[in-house]
Amino acid sequence: MSGLYPELAMKLRSLTTRLQLRWQESVPHCGEPGCTLGRRLWRHIHWWNGTITLHGRRYCSPQCFEAAVRDRLVRVGTQDFVPRSAEHRIPLGLLMLSRGQLTNQQLRSALEAQEKNGQLRLGEWLEKLGFATEHQITAALGLQWACPVLQPDARRDPSCSRLLPFRLLENYRLLPLQYVAPTNTFYLAFCDGIDYTVLHAVEQMLQCHTDACLVTRTALDRALEQISRRRSPEDLLFEGWRRAHEMARIVCGYALKVGADTTRIVPCGMYVWVRLGCGRRFVNLLFRRPVPERESVAGSDEFYLPVVS
């Protein structure tokens, strides 16, 4: 008889452990600080039958998720972003001049044309005036940014273009080349210089490493034209300004609509990028950030974000 009690105690502990695990699965912990066990129980019984994560933190209901999204949008929206700068690099004209690809007079003429019109980059003026070829300019940019130049016959994986919203590709002159799963590395190409702000956003959103190179403008334009024909209808762009709680309501609404189970929100230059994932399917929402003036109050939702156009 004495041996039965330890065995019974072990069975009871095992049963208690299994019941606790089932309880945690049915009423999971919520990342929202103000969400109590009673609220989670009521929402679970009332109608909510799943969970959704935001940057790895799980939320028990749409209400908690929407509050977390609002707080995230406020923090992301008030972060300053500085446009890419190449001031610390050797100017393109001087670099080509030192390599004997330009004369002083040619460089002076291109700089004067750029100053008068101000619409094109120096490299574009050099090509337009016939002082240099597109390949020469791209090679010089590769030296300026200390990065390789993509060869014209290099292959790329067309499926990679679906990983990023087309508006980001179009706006930042960006071309996805290949994703290598064993090293978790995403290879991308720019045509006017490397935008490290965008690379950082891609790394944060896709949780990967990035490696960049340069490609000619003609090759990039041709590739973007091909991508635009197959662009995803689930990439949504929002314009105008509204408060963060209204944007959070939009994000929550789309999350419920597509049945999203994961969400990430990162700043990407002039945009706030929201990615809703449901298995292998995902939807991208882009909100344009206000550049001239931002109205924000710490801990509130007074930051204005865009509305759908």
Protein backbone atom coordinates (compact mmCIF):
# COMPACT_ATOMS: atom_id res chain seq x y z
CA MET A 1 0.00 0.00 0.00
CA SER A 2 2.82 2.40 0.80
CA GLY A 3 4.05 2.26 -2.80
CA LEU A 4 0.68 3.38 -4.17
CA TYR A 5 0.77 6.89 -2.73
CA PRO A 6 3.95 8.11 -4.54
CA GLU A 7 2.63 6.64 -7.80
CA LEU A 8 -0.74 8.33 -7.30
CA ALA A 9 0.94 11.64 -6.48
CA MET A 10 3.00 11.42 -9.70
CA LYS A 11 -0.13 10.76 -11.75
CA LEU A 12 -1.90 13.70 -10.15
CA ARG A 13 1.05 16.01 -10.87
CA SER A 14 1.15 14.82 -14.48
CA LEU A 15 -2.59 15.39 -14.85
CA THR A 16 -2.31 18.86 -13.29
CA THR A 17 0.52 19.76 -15.68
CA ARG A 18 -1.51 18.66 -18.71
CA LEU A 19 -4.52 20.64 -17.54
CA GLN A 20 -2.38 23.74 -17.04
CA LEU A 21 -0.95 23.42 -20.56
CA ARG A 22 -4.43 23.04 -22.05
CA TRP A 23 -5.60 26.05 -20.06
CA GLN A 24 -2.70 28.18 -21.33
CA GLU A 25 -3.40 27.09 -24.91
CA SER A 26 -7.11 27.90 -24.68
CA VAL A 27 -6.61 31.19 -22.81
CA PRO A 28 -3.05 32.27 -23.79
CA HIS A 29 -1.04 35.01 -22.15
CA CYS A 30 -1.56 38.41 -23.72
CA GLY A 31 1.17 40.96 -24.40
CA GLU A 32 -1.11 43.90 -23.61
CA PRO A 33 -0.25 45.09 -20.05
CA GLY A 34 -3.85 46.04 -19.20
CA CYS A 35 -5.35 42.70 -20.24
CA THR A 36 -6.45 40.66 -17.19
CA LEU A 37 -7.25 36.97 -16.99
CA GLY A 38 -10.96 37.75 -16.64
CA ARG A 39 -10.96 39.85 -19.82
CA ARG A 40 -9.12 37.13 -21.72
CA LEU A 41 -11.58 34.50 -20.54
CA TRP A 42 -14.63 36.58 -21.51
CA ARG A 43 -13.28 37.47 -24.94
CA HIS A 44 -12.32 33.88 -25.61
CA ILE A 45 -15.76 32.58 -24.65
CA HIS A 46 -17.59 35.45 -26.33
CA TRP A 47 -16.26 35.20 -29.87
CA TRP A 48 -12.48 35.38 -30.37
CA ASN A 49 -11.01 31.99 -31.29
CA GLY A 50 -7.37 32.72 -32.05
CA THR A 51 -4.32 34.83 -31.32
CA ILE A 52 -2.15 37.19 -33.33
CA THR A 53 1.42 38.27 -32.71
CA LEU A 54 3.06 41.66 -33.16
CA HIS A 55 6.85 41.40 -33.34
CA GLY A 56 6.69 38.05 -31.56
CA ARG A 57 4.40 39.14 -28.72
CA ARG A 58 1.06 37.35 -28.65
CA TYR A 59 -2.27 39.13 -28.08
CA CYS A 60 -5.47 37.47 -27.00
CA SER A 61 -8.04 39.62 -28.79
CA PRO A 62 -8.48 42.25 -31.53
CA GLN A 63 -8.88 44.93 -28.85
CA CYS A 64 -5.51 44.16 -27.26
CA PHE A 65 -3.87 43.79 -30.67
CA GLU A 66 -5.24 47.13 -31.88
CA ALA A 67 -3.97 48.90 -28.75
CA ALA A 68 -0.50 47.41 -29.27
CA VAL A 69 -0.49 48.42 -32.96
CA ARG A 70 -1.46 51.98 -32.01
CA ASP A 71 1.41 52.22 -29.54
CA ARG A 72 3.80 50.81 -32.10
CA LEU A 73 2.68 53.27 -34.76
CA VAL A 74 3.20 56.17 -32.38
CA ARG A 75 6.76 55.02 -31.60
CA VAL A 76 7.64 54.27 -35.21
CA GLY A 77 6.04 57.42 -36.58
CA THR A 78 7.93 59.74 -34.26
CA GLN A 79 11.33 58.28 -35.17
CA ASP A 80 13.36 60.71 -37.25
CA PHE A 81 14.57 59.49 -40.59
CA VAL A 82 17.45 61.06 -42.48
CA PRO A 83 17.62 60.67 -46.28
CA ARG A 84 20.64 58.84 -47.63
CA SER A 85 23.70 61.04 -47.92
CA ALA A 86 26.93 60.51 -49.85
CA GLU A 87 28.69 63.63 -48.58
CA HIS A 88 31.41 61.53 -46.95
CA ARG A 89 32.24 59.85 -50.27
CA ILE A 90 34.37 61.07 -53.14
CA PRO A 91 32.14 63.05 -55.54
CA LEU A 92 31.32 61.12 -58.69
CA GLY A 93 32.71 63.81 -61.00
CA LEU A 94 36.07 63.99 -59.22
CA LEU A 95 36.28 60.20 -59.15
CA MET A 96 35.77 59.94 -62.92
CA LEU A 97 38.11 62.87 -63.49
CA SER A 98 40.89 61.18 -61.48
CA ARG A 99 40.42 58.00 -63.54
CA GLY A 100 40.81 59.91 -66.81
CA GLN A 101 37.22 59.29 -67.90
CA LEU A 102 36.38 62.99 -67.97
CA THR A 103 38.09 66.27 -68.79
CA ASN A 104 37.84 69.40 -66.67
CA GLN A 105 35.72 71.08 -69.32
CA GLN A 106 33.32 68.13 -69.58
CA LEU A 107 32.85 67.99 -65.82
CA ARG A 108 32.31 71.77 -65.67
CA SER A 109 29.72 71.61 -68.45
CA ALA A 110 27.81 68.78 -66.73
CA LEU A 111 27.84 70.62 -63.40
CA GLU A 112 26.56 73.82 -65.04
CA ALA A 113 23.75 71.89 -66.77
CA GLN A 114 22.81 70.27 -63.46
CA GLU A 115 22.82 73.63 -61.67
CA LYS A 116 20.59 75.27 -64.29
CA ASN A 117 18.04 72.47 -64.51
CA GLY A 118 18.42 70.62 -61.22
CA GLN A 119 16.24 67.66 -62.25
CA LEU A 120 18.82 65.01 -63.10
CA ARG A 121 21.77 63.57 -61.23
CA LEU A 122 25.29 64.38 -62.37
CA GLY A 123 25.73 60.90 -63.83
CA GLU A 124 22.59 61.33 -65.90
CA TRP A 125 23.86 64.65 -67.25
CA LEU A 126 27.22 63.10 -68.14
CA GLU A 127 25.40 60.41 -70.10
CA LYS A 128 22.95 62.86 -71.68
CA LEU A 129 25.76 65.14 -72.85
CA GLY A 130 27.65 62.18 -74.27
CA PHE A 131 30.64 62.50 -71.93
CA ALA A 132 30.30 58.99 -70.45
CA THR A 133 28.40 55.76 -71.00
CA GLU A 134 25.89 54.28 -68.59
CA HIS A 135 28.24 51.40 -67.78
CA GLN A 136 31.11 53.81 -67.01
CA ILE A 137 28.89 55.79 -64.64
CA THR A 138 27.64 52.64 -62.88
CA ALA A 139 31.20 51.34 -62.50
CA ALA A 140 32.25 54.69 -61.00
CA LEU A 141 29.29 54.55 -58.60
CA GLY A 142 30.45 51.09 -57.57
CA LEU A 143 33.84 52.57 -56.62
CA GLN A 144 32.16 55.50 -54.88
CA TRP A 145 29.99 53.22 -52.73
CA ALA A 146 32.59 50.43 -52.45
CA CYS A 147 30.22 47.75 -53.70
CA PRO A 148 30.12 45.37 -56.70
CA VAL A 149 28.30 46.04 -59.96
CA LEU A 150 25.84 43.47 -61.26
CA GLN A 151 26.82 42.01 -64.60
CA PRO A 152 24.30 42.44 -67.46
CA ASP A 153 23.91 38.66 -67.90
CA ALA A 154 23.46 37.93 -64.19
CA ARG A 155 20.32 35.97 -63.29
CA ARG A 156 17.84 36.89 -60.60
CA ASP A 157 15.01 35.01 -58.93
CA PRO A 158 11.70 36.60 -60.06
CA SER A 159 9.88 35.23 -57.00
CA CYS A 160 11.97 37.49 -54.72
CA SER A 161 10.08 40.53 -55.96
CA ARG A 162 7.00 39.32 -54.06
CA LEU A 163 8.81 39.74 -50.74
CA LEU A 164 8.74 43.55 -50.96
CA PRO A 165 5.95 46.02 -51.82
CA PHE A 166 6.25 47.31 -55.36
CA ARG A 167 5.98 50.92 -54.18
CA LEU A 168 9.24 50.51 -52.23
CA LEU A 169 10.95 49.05 -55.29
CA GLU A 170 9.67 51.89 -57.46
CA ASN A 171 10.33 54.72 -55.02
CA TYR A 172 13.80 53.68 -53.87
CA ARG A 173 14.94 52.28 -57.23
CA LEU A 174 15.45 48.86 -55.70
CA LEU A 175 15.64 45.44 -57.36
CA PRO A 176 15.39 42.13 -55.44
CA LEU A 177 17.87 39.63 -56.85
CA GLN A 178 17.92 36.46 -54.79
CA TYR A 179 17.20 35.08 -51.34
CA VAL A 180 19.60 32.41 -50.08
CA ALA A 181 17.88 30.39 -47.36
CA PRO A 182 20.95 28.58 -45.89
CA THR A 183 22.59 31.90 -45.01
CA ASN A 184 19.32 33.85 -44.59
CA THR A 185 20.69 36.52 -46.94
CA PHE A 186 18.65 38.71 -49.27
CA TYR A 187 20.58 40.16 -52.23
CA LEU A 188 19.33 43.49 -53.65
CA ALA A 189 20.47 45.99 -56.26
CA PHE A 190 20.26 49.80 -56.47
CA CYS A 191 21.09 52.00 -59.43
CA ASP A 192 21.94 55.42 -57.91
CA GLY A 193 23.77 54.40 -54.74
CA ILE A 194 23.09 52.23 -51.71
CA ASP A 195 20.26 53.31 -49.42
CA TYR A 196 21.17 51.76 -46.08
CA THR A 197 17.97 53.03 -44.45
CA VAL A 198 15.95 50.81 -46.79
CA LEU A 199 18.32 47.86 -46.27
CA HIS A 200 17.90 48.17 -42.51
CA ALA A 201 14.11 48.23 -42.87
CA VAL A 202 14.20 45.08 -45.03
CA GLU A 203 16.37 43.33 -42.45
CA GLN A 204 14.02 44.28 -39.64
CA MET A 205 10.89 43.26 -41.52
CA LEU A 206 12.09 39.98 -43.03
CA GLN A 207 14.50 39.18 -40.17
CA CYS A 208 17.32 38.44 -42.57
CA HIS A 209 20.71 39.75 -43.66
CA THR A 210 21.02 41.94 -46.76
CA ASP A 211 23.79 42.40 -49.28
CA ALA A 212 23.64 45.14 -51.93
CA CYS A 213 25.19 45.87 -55.30
CA LEU A 214 24.65 48.34 -58.14
CA VAL A 215 22.97 47.88 -61.50
CA THR A 216 22.54 50.15 -64.52
CA ARG A 217 19.44 52.34 -64.64
CA THR A 218 18.35 50.72 -67.92
CA ALA A 219 18.53 47.21 -66.47
CA LEU A 220 16.66 48.28 -63.34
CA ASP A 221 13.92 50.07 -65.32
CA ARG A 222 13.45 46.99 -67.48
CA ALA A 223 13.21 44.71 -64.45
CA LEU A 224 10.77 46.98 -62.62
CA GLU A 225 8.57 47.09 -65.71
CA GLN A 226 8.42 43.29 -65.68
CA ILE A 227 7.69 43.21 -61.94
CA SER A 228 4.90 45.78 -62.29
CA ARG A 229 2.99 43.41 -64.57
CA ARG A 230 2.99 40.75 -61.84
CA ARG A 231 2.64 43.02 -58.81
CA SER A 232 0.53 41.74 -55.95
CA PRO A 233 -2.96 43.26 -55.62
CA GLU A 234 -2.58 42.81 -51.85
CA ASP A 235 0.01 45.59 -51.54
CA LEU A 236 -1.95 48.60 -50.28
CA LEU A 237 -0.77 52.23 -50.18
CA PHE A 238 -2.34 54.81 -47.87
CA GLU A 239 -2.04 58.57 -48.35
CA GLY A 240 -3.19 61.62 -46.39
CA TRP A 241 -3.05 62.07 -42.62
CA ARG A 242 -5.02 60.58 -39.71
CA ARG A 243 -4.32 59.79 -36.11
CA ALA A 244 -2.50 56.64 -35.05
CA HIS A 245 -5.58 55.06 -33.43
CA GLU A 246 -7.42 55.32 -36.76
CA MET A 247 -4.51 53.68 -38.56
CA ALA A 248 -4.41 50.97 -35.90
CA ARG A 249 -8.09 50.30 -36.57
CA ILE A 250 -7.34 49.93 -40.28
CA VAL A 251 -4.45 47.52 -39.59
CA CYS A 252 -6.59 45.49 -37.18
CA GLY A 253 -9.43 45.38 -39.71
CA TYR A 254 -7.17 44.02 -42.44
CA ALA A 255 -5.61 41.55 -40.00
CA LEU A 256 -9.05 40.13 -39.20
CA LYS A 257 -10.05 40.16 -42.87
CA VAL A 258 -7.08 38.09 -44.07
CA GLY A 259 -6.86 35.96 -40.90
CA ALA A 260 -3.36 37.17 -40.08
CA ASP A 261 -1.45 35.43 -37.31
CA THR A 262 1.75 37.52 -37.43
CA THR A 263 2.35 41.25 -37.82
CA ARG A 264 5.43 43.44 -38.06
CA ILE A 265 5.67 47.24 -38.32
CA VAL A 266 8.90 49.05 -39.29
CA PRO A 267 9.79 52.51 -40.60
CA CYS A 268 11.18 52.56 -44.13
CA GLY A 269 12.25 56.04 -45.17
CA MET A 270 9.15 58.09 -45.89
CA TYR A 271 6.86 55.13 -45.24
CA VAL A 272 5.63 53.05 -42.32
CA TRP A 273 5.59 49.47 -43.53
CA VAL A 274 3.08 46.98 -42.05
CA ARG A 275 3.29 43.32 -42.97
CA LEU A 276 0.43 40.93 -42.14
CA GLY A 277 1.25 37.25 -42.41
CA CYS A 278 -1.09 34.28 -42.59
CA GLY A 279 0.91 31.13 -43.21
CA ARG A 280 2.77 31.63 -46.48
CA ARG A 281 0.46 34.43 -47.54
CA PHE A 282 1.13 38.03 -46.55
CA VAL A 283 -0.31 41.49 -47.14
CA ASN A 284 1.74 44.70 -47.14
CA LEU A 285 0.31 48.04 -45.99
CA LEU A 286 2.33 51.20 -46.62
CA PHE A 287 1.51 54.46 -44.82
CA ARG A 288 3.27 57.59 -46.02
CA ARG A 289 4.94 59.45 -43.17
CA PRO A 290 4.61 63.22 -42.79
CA VAL A 291 7.95 64.75 -43.71
CA PRO A 292 7.75 68.52 -43.02
CA GLU A 293 6.09 68.51 -39.61
CA ARG A 294 5.18 65.78 -37.16
CA GLU A 295 2.78 66.24 -34.31
CA SER A 296 3.43 63.82 -31.50
CA VAL A 297 2.95 63.52 -27.78
CA ALA A 298 4.81 60.84 -25.87
CA GLY A 299 2.49 58.05 -24.80
CA SER A 300 -0.43 59.33 -26.89
CA ASP A 301 -1.72 58.77 -30.42
CA GLU A 302 -1.30 62.34 -31.60
CA PHE A 303 1.02 61.30 -34.42
CA TYR A 304 -0.71 61.73 -37.76
CA LEU A 305 -0.54 58.90 -40.25
CA PRO A 306 -1.94 58.55 -43.76
CA VAL A 307 -5.38 57.38 -44.87
CA VAL A 308 -6.30 55.38 -47.91
CA SER A 309 -6.50 57.31 -51.16
